[in-house]
Amino acid sequence: MIGRIVEIADDRRHLSLHRGFLVVRETEGERQELGQVPLDDIAAVVANAHGMSYTNNLLVALAERGAPFVLCGANHNAVGMLLPIDGNHIQAKRIEAQIVASLPTHKRLWAQVVKSKLEQQAAT
């Protein structure tokens, strides 16, 4: 597993499953395909758009691979997460580590996330 975190931030997107790939399509016009990501390379999917849609088959395939599907609210903060029922001790350890982390650690990690997002936006 490569460990990609896929964030969908545009309302006009539809996510589906096709032959082991997460497929991203436009929801308007000709519904052209925008890209594919192998499911085995995905560590998590972040749904940061309110108008997006996705198939149940995709959610099942992600859960089978232990990849969480994170739902974000209007303020772009995570409000929920779909996790596999099968006990995933690695994910549980990550969540526990995030809960017990000190405030300075939270702030430092958040600054790294913001910096990385800005660098990625500048690269595109």
N, C-alpha and C. Protein backbone atom coordinates (compact mmCIF):
# COMPACT_ATOMS: atom_id res chain seq x y z
N MET A 1 0.83 -1.18 0.00
CA MET A 1 0.00 0.00 0.00
C MET A 1 0.88 1.24 0.00
N ILE A 2 0.59 2.16 -0.90
CA ILE A 2 1.34 3.40 -0.99
C ILE A 2 0.91 4.36 0.11
N GLY A 3 -0.37 4.38 0.44
CA GLY A 3 -0.86 5.23 1.51
C GLY A 3 -1.31 6.60 1.04
N ARG A 4 -1.91 6.67 -0.13
CA ARG A 4 -2.43 7.95 -0.63
C ARG A 4 -3.68 8.36 0.15
N ILE A 5 -3.79 9.65 0.42
CA ILE A 5 -5.02 10.19 0.98
C ILE A 5 -5.67 10.98 -0.14
N VAL A 6 -6.85 10.54 -0.56
CA VAL A 6 -7.57 11.16 -1.67
C VAL A 6 -8.60 12.11 -1.08
N GLU A 7 -8.49 13.39 -1.42
CA GLU A 7 -9.47 14.38 -0.96
C GLU A 7 -10.26 14.86 -2.16
N ILE A 8 -11.58 14.81 -2.03
CA ILE A 8 -12.48 15.31 -3.07
C ILE A 8 -13.10 16.59 -2.52
N ALA A 9 -12.80 17.72 -3.17
CA ALA A 9 -13.24 19.01 -2.66
C ALA A 9 -14.14 19.76 -3.63
N ASP A 10 -14.53 19.14 -4.73
CA ASP A 10 -15.39 19.79 -5.72
C ASP A 10 -16.77 19.13 -5.68
N ASP A 11 -17.82 19.95 -5.63
CA ASP A 11 -19.19 19.44 -5.54
C ASP A 11 -19.62 18.64 -6.76
N ARG A 12 -19.01 18.86 -7.89
CA ARG A 12 -19.46 18.23 -9.14
C ARG A 12 -18.70 16.93 -9.42
N ARG A 13 -18.58 16.08 -8.42
CA ARG A 13 -17.83 14.84 -8.59
C ARG A 13 -18.68 13.63 -8.19
N HIS A 14 -18.45 12.54 -8.90
CA HIS A 14 -19.08 11.25 -8.56
C HIS A 14 -17.98 10.22 -8.45
N LEU A 15 -17.96 9.49 -7.33
CA LEU A 15 -16.96 8.46 -7.09
C LEU A 15 -17.59 7.09 -7.25
N SER A 16 -16.89 6.22 -7.96
CA SER A 16 -17.39 4.86 -8.15
C SER A 16 -16.23 3.89 -8.17
N LEU A 17 -16.58 2.61 -8.27
CA LEU A 17 -15.61 1.53 -8.30
C LEU A 17 -15.64 0.89 -9.67
N HIS A 18 -14.45 0.66 -10.23
CA HIS A 18 -14.37 -0.06 -11.50
C HIS A 18 -13.07 -0.85 -11.54
N ARG A 19 -13.19 -2.18 -11.51
CA ARG A 19 -12.05 -3.09 -11.63
C ARG A 19 -10.90 -2.77 -10.68
N GLY A 20 -11.23 -2.52 -9.43
CA GLY A 20 -10.21 -2.27 -8.42
C GLY A 20 -9.68 -0.85 -8.37
N PHE A 21 -10.36 0.07 -9.04
CA PHE A 21 -9.96 1.47 -9.05
C PHE A 21 -11.08 2.36 -8.52
N LEU A 22 -10.72 3.41 -7.77
CA LEU A 22 -11.64 4.47 -7.46
C LEU A 22 -11.67 5.36 -8.70
N VAL A 23 -12.84 5.58 -9.27
CA VAL A 23 -12.98 6.38 -10.48
C VAL A 23 -13.68 7.69 -10.13
N VAL A 24 -13.11 8.81 -10.55
CA VAL A 24 -13.69 10.13 -10.31
C VAL A 24 -14.22 10.66 -11.63
N ARG A 25 -15.50 11.04 -11.63
CA ARG A 25 -16.14 11.57 -12.83
C ARG A 25 -16.82 12.90 -12.52
N GLU A 26 -16.98 13.70 -13.59
CA GLU A 26 -17.80 14.91 -13.52
C GLU A 26 -19.26 14.49 -13.39
N THR A 27 -20.07 15.26 -12.71
CA THR A 27 -21.50 14.94 -12.63
C THR A 27 -22.31 15.74 -13.63
N GLU A 28 -21.69 16.69 -14.29
CA GLU A 28 -22.39 17.54 -15.25
C GLU A 28 -21.91 17.24 -16.67
N GLY A 29 -22.73 17.57 -17.63
CA GLY A 29 -22.34 17.42 -19.03
C GLY A 29 -22.18 15.96 -19.42
N GLU A 30 -21.06 15.65 -20.01
CA GLU A 30 -20.81 14.31 -20.52
C GLU A 30 -20.30 13.34 -19.46
N ARG A 31 -20.22 13.78 -18.23
CA ARG A 31 -19.75 12.93 -17.11
C ARG A 31 -18.39 12.31 -17.43
N GLN A 32 -17.50 13.13 -17.94
CA GLN A 32 -16.18 12.62 -18.31
C GLN A 32 -15.39 12.16 -17.10
N GLU A 33 -14.57 11.15 -17.32
CA GLU A 33 -13.72 10.62 -16.27
C GLU A 33 -12.55 11.57 -16.04
N LEU A 34 -12.32 11.90 -14.79
CA LEU A 34 -11.24 12.82 -14.43
C LEU A 34 -9.99 12.09 -13.95
N GLY A 35 -10.18 10.87 -13.44
CA GLY A 35 -9.02 10.12 -12.97
C GLY A 35 -9.39 8.84 -12.28
N GLN A 36 -8.36 8.01 -12.05
CA GLN A 36 -8.52 6.74 -11.35
C GLN A 36 -7.37 6.58 -10.36
N VAL A 37 -7.68 5.93 -9.24
CA VAL A 37 -6.66 5.62 -8.24
C VAL A 37 -6.85 4.15 -7.84
N PRO A 38 -5.79 3.35 -7.88
CA PRO A 38 -5.93 1.96 -7.44
C PRO A 38 -6.35 1.91 -5.97
N LEU A 39 -7.36 1.11 -5.67
CA LEU A 39 -7.86 1.01 -4.29
C LEU A 39 -6.78 0.56 -3.32
N ASP A 40 -5.90 -0.30 -3.78
CA ASP A 40 -4.85 -0.81 -2.89
C ASP A 40 -3.83 0.26 -2.52
N ASP A 41 -3.81 1.39 -3.22
CA ASP A 41 -2.89 2.48 -2.92
C ASP A 41 -3.50 3.51 -1.97
N ILE A 42 -4.78 3.38 -1.65
CA ILE A 42 -5.49 4.40 -0.89
C ILE A 42 -5.45 4.10 0.60
N ALA A 43 -4.99 5.09 1.39
CA ALA A 43 -4.99 4.98 2.85
C ALA A 43 -6.30 5.52 3.41
N ALA A 44 -6.87 6.56 2.76
CA ALA A 44 -8.13 7.16 3.21
C ALA A 44 -8.70 8.02 2.10
N VAL A 45 -10.02 8.21 2.15
CA VAL A 45 -10.70 9.14 1.24
C VAL A 45 -11.38 10.19 2.11
N VAL A 46 -11.17 11.46 1.77
CA VAL A 46 -11.77 12.57 2.50
C VAL A 46 -12.80 13.23 1.59
N ALA A 47 -14.07 13.17 1.99
CA ALA A 47 -15.17 13.77 1.23
C ALA A 47 -15.40 15.18 1.75
N ASN A 48 -14.80 16.15 1.09
CA ASN A 48 -14.83 17.53 1.54
C ASN A 48 -15.69 18.38 0.60
N ALA A 49 -16.73 17.79 0.04
CA ALA A 49 -17.64 18.50 -0.87
C ALA A 49 -19.05 18.01 -0.59
N HIS A 50 -20.00 18.93 -0.54
CA HIS A 50 -21.36 18.55 -0.16
C HIS A 50 -22.20 18.04 -1.32
N GLY A 51 -21.85 18.40 -2.55
CA GLY A 51 -22.63 17.98 -3.71
C GLY A 51 -22.11 16.74 -4.39
N MET A 52 -21.09 16.12 -3.83
CA MET A 52 -20.54 14.93 -4.46
C MET A 52 -21.42 13.72 -4.18
N SER A 53 -21.23 12.69 -5.00
CA SER A 53 -21.95 11.43 -4.80
C SER A 53 -20.98 10.28 -4.93
N TYR A 54 -21.38 9.13 -4.39
CA TYR A 54 -20.52 7.96 -4.43
C TYR A 54 -21.38 6.71 -4.36
N THR A 55 -20.81 5.60 -4.83
CA THR A 55 -21.56 4.35 -4.84
C THR A 55 -21.28 3.54 -3.57
N ASN A 56 -22.27 2.75 -3.21
CA ASN A 56 -22.10 1.86 -2.07
C ASN A 56 -21.00 0.84 -2.34
N ASN A 57 -20.90 0.37 -3.57
CA ASN A 57 -19.84 -0.60 -3.91
C ASN A 57 -18.47 -0.04 -3.61
N LEU A 58 -18.26 1.24 -3.86
CA LEU A 58 -16.97 1.86 -3.56
C LEU A 58 -16.72 1.86 -2.05
N LEU A 59 -17.72 2.25 -1.27
CA LEU A 59 -17.55 2.29 0.19
C LEU A 59 -17.24 0.90 0.74
N VAL A 60 -17.91 -0.12 0.21
CA VAL A 60 -17.66 -1.49 0.65
C VAL A 60 -16.23 -1.90 0.32
N ALA A 61 -15.78 -1.60 -0.90
CA ALA A 61 -14.42 -1.97 -1.32
C ALA A 61 -13.37 -1.26 -0.47
N LEU A 62 -13.60 0.01 -0.13
CA LEU A 62 -12.66 0.73 0.73
C LEU A 62 -12.62 0.12 2.12
N ALA A 63 -13.80 -0.20 2.66
CA ALA A 63 -13.87 -0.81 4.00
C ALA A 63 -13.17 -2.16 4.02
N GLU A 64 -13.32 -2.94 2.96
CA GLU A 64 -12.66 -4.24 2.89
C GLU A 64 -11.14 -4.11 2.91
N ARG A 65 -10.65 -2.99 2.44
CA ARG A 65 -9.20 -2.75 2.42
C ARG A 65 -8.72 -1.97 3.64
N GLY A 66 -9.64 -1.64 4.53
CA GLY A 66 -9.27 -0.94 5.76
C GLY A 66 -9.06 0.55 5.59
N ALA A 67 -9.53 1.14 4.47
CA ALA A 67 -9.36 2.57 4.22
C ALA A 67 -10.58 3.33 4.73
N PRO A 68 -10.43 4.25 5.65
CA PRO A 68 -11.57 5.01 6.14
C PRO A 68 -12.08 6.02 5.10
N PHE A 69 -13.36 6.31 5.18
CA PHE A 69 -14.01 7.32 4.34
C PHE A 69 -14.46 8.42 5.28
N VAL A 70 -13.84 9.59 5.19
CA VAL A 70 -14.06 10.70 6.13
C VAL A 70 -15.04 11.69 5.53
N LEU A 71 -16.06 12.06 6.30
CA LEU A 71 -17.07 13.03 5.88
C LEU A 71 -16.80 14.37 6.55
N CYS A 72 -16.78 15.44 5.76
CA CYS A 72 -16.52 16.78 6.29
C CYS A 72 -17.79 17.62 6.28
N GLY A 73 -17.89 18.52 7.25
CA GLY A 73 -19.03 19.42 7.36
C GLY A 73 -18.80 20.71 6.58
N ALA A 74 -19.73 21.64 6.74
CA ALA A 74 -19.67 22.91 6.02
C ALA A 74 -18.41 23.71 6.36
N ASN A 75 -17.86 23.51 7.55
CA ASN A 75 -16.64 24.22 7.96
C ASN A 75 -15.38 23.47 7.55
N HIS A 76 -15.52 22.39 6.76
CA HIS A 76 -14.41 21.58 6.24
C HIS A 76 -13.69 20.77 7.31
N ASN A 77 -14.29 20.66 8.48
CA ASN A 77 -13.74 19.79 9.52
C ASN A 77 -14.42 18.43 9.44
N ALA A 78 -13.71 17.39 9.80
CA ALA A 78 -14.28 16.04 9.79
C ALA A 78 -15.41 15.95 10.80
N VAL A 79 -16.54 15.38 10.38
CA VAL A 79 -17.69 15.20 11.27
C VAL A 79 -18.06 13.73 11.44
N GLY A 80 -17.52 12.88 10.58
CA GLY A 80 -17.83 11.46 10.67
C GLY A 80 -16.85 10.66 9.86
N MET A 81 -16.88 9.34 10.12
CA MET A 81 -15.93 8.48 9.42
C MET A 81 -16.53 7.08 9.30
N LEU A 82 -16.41 6.51 8.12
CA LEU A 82 -16.81 5.13 7.89
C LEU A 82 -15.57 4.27 8.04
N LEU A 83 -15.61 3.38 9.03
CA LEU A 83 -14.48 2.48 9.29
C LEU A 83 -14.94 1.04 9.12
N PRO A 84 -14.04 0.15 8.74
CA PRO A 84 -14.42 -1.26 8.62
C PRO A 84 -14.80 -1.85 9.97
N ILE A 85 -15.73 -2.80 9.96
CA ILE A 85 -16.12 -3.48 11.19
C ILE A 85 -14.99 -4.37 11.68
N ASP A 86 -14.33 -5.01 10.74
CA ASP A 86 -13.19 -5.85 11.10
C ASP A 86 -12.21 -5.00 11.91
N GLY A 87 -11.82 -5.47 13.06
CA GLY A 87 -10.92 -4.68 13.91
C GLY A 87 -9.61 -4.37 13.23
N ASN A 88 -9.34 -3.10 13.05
CA ASN A 88 -8.09 -2.69 12.43
C ASN A 88 -7.25 -2.03 13.52
N HIS A 89 -6.33 -2.77 14.10
CA HIS A 89 -5.56 -2.26 15.22
C HIS A 89 -4.67 -1.08 14.84
N ILE A 90 -4.22 -1.03 13.60
CA ILE A 90 -3.36 0.09 13.19
C ILE A 90 -4.16 1.39 13.19
N GLN A 91 -5.37 1.36 12.62
CA GLN A 91 -6.22 2.56 12.59
C GLN A 91 -6.59 2.97 14.02
N ALA A 92 -6.90 2.00 14.87
CA ALA A 92 -7.25 2.30 16.26
C ALA A 92 -6.09 2.98 16.98
N LYS A 93 -4.87 2.50 16.73
CA LYS A 93 -3.69 3.12 17.35
C LYS A 93 -3.50 4.56 16.87
N ARG A 94 -3.73 4.79 15.57
CA ARG A 94 -3.60 6.15 15.04
C ARG A 94 -4.61 7.08 15.70
N ILE A 95 -5.86 6.64 15.79
CA ILE A 95 -6.90 7.47 16.40
C ILE A 95 -6.58 7.74 17.86
N GLU A 96 -6.15 6.72 18.58
CA GLU A 96 -5.79 6.91 19.98
C GLU A 96 -4.63 7.89 20.14
N ALA A 97 -3.62 7.78 19.26
CA ALA A 97 -2.47 8.70 19.32
C ALA A 97 -2.91 10.14 19.06
N GLN A 98 -3.88 10.32 18.16
CA GLN A 98 -4.38 11.67 17.87
C GLN A 98 -5.14 12.22 19.07
N ILE A 99 -5.88 11.37 19.76
CA ILE A 99 -6.67 11.82 20.91
C ILE A 99 -5.77 12.26 22.06
N VAL A 100 -4.72 11.50 22.34
CA VAL A 100 -3.87 11.79 23.49
C VAL A 100 -2.76 12.81 23.19
N ALA A 101 -2.62 13.22 21.95
CA ALA A 101 -1.56 14.18 21.60
C ALA A 101 -1.80 15.52 22.31
N SER A 102 -0.72 16.16 22.67
CA SER A 102 -0.82 17.45 23.36
C SER A 102 -1.26 18.55 22.39
N LEU A 103 -1.70 19.66 22.94
CA LEU A 103 -2.14 20.80 22.13
C LEU A 103 -1.01 21.32 21.23
N PRO A 104 0.22 21.47 21.73
CA PRO A 104 1.30 21.90 20.82
C PRO A 104 1.51 20.94 19.65
N THR A 105 1.37 19.64 19.92
CA THR A 105 1.52 18.66 18.84
C THR A 105 0.41 18.82 17.82
N HIS A 106 -0.83 19.00 18.31
CA HIS A 106 -1.96 19.24 17.40
C HIS A 106 -1.70 20.45 16.52
N LYS A 107 -1.23 21.54 17.12
CA LYS A 107 -0.98 22.77 16.37
C LYS A 107 0.15 22.58 15.35
N ARG A 108 1.20 21.87 15.74
CA ARG A 108 2.32 21.63 14.84
C ARG A 108 1.89 20.77 13.65
N LEU A 109 1.12 19.72 13.93
CA LEU A 109 0.66 18.85 12.85
C LEU A 109 -0.31 19.58 11.92
N TRP A 110 -1.19 20.40 12.50
CA TRP A 110 -2.12 21.16 11.67
C TRP A 110 -1.35 22.13 10.77
N ALA A 111 -0.32 22.76 11.31
CA ALA A 111 0.50 23.67 10.50
C ALA A 111 1.16 22.92 9.35
N GLN A 112 1.60 21.68 9.59
CA GLN A 112 2.20 20.87 8.53
C GLN A 112 1.18 20.53 7.45
N VAL A 113 -0.06 20.24 7.87
CA VAL A 113 -1.12 19.93 6.91
C VAL A 113 -1.40 21.14 6.02
N VAL A 114 -1.54 22.30 6.64
CA VAL A 114 -1.83 23.53 5.90
C VAL A 114 -0.68 23.85 4.94
N LYS A 115 0.56 23.73 5.43
CA LYS A 115 1.72 24.00 4.59
C LYS A 115 1.76 23.06 3.38
N SER A 116 1.50 21.80 3.62
CA SER A 116 1.50 20.81 2.54
C SER A 116 0.41 21.11 1.52
N LYS A 117 -0.78 21.49 2.00
CA LYS A 117 -1.88 21.83 1.08
C LYS A 117 -1.50 23.03 0.21
N LEU A 118 -0.90 24.04 0.81
CA LEU A 118 -0.50 25.22 0.05
C LEU A 118 0.57 24.88 -0.98
N GLU A 119 1.52 24.03 -0.59
CA GLU A 119 2.56 23.61 -1.54
C GLU A 119 1.97 22.84 -2.71
N GLN A 120 1.01 21.95 -2.41
CA GLN A 120 0.36 21.18 -3.48
C GLN A 120 -0.46 22.07 -4.40
N GLN A 121 -1.15 23.06 -3.83
CA GLN A 121 -1.92 23.99 -4.65
C GLN A 121 -1.00 24.81 -5.54
N ALA A 122 0.13 25.23 -5.01
CA ALA A 122 1.10 26.00 -5.80
C ALA A 122 1.69 25.14 -6.91
N ALA A 123 1.87 23.86 -6.63
CA ALA A 123 2.44 22.96 -7.66
C ALA A 123 1.48 22.74 -8.81
N THR A 124 0.19 22.80 -8.54
CA THR A 124 -0.78 22.58 -9.61
C THR A 124 -1.10 23.91 -10.29
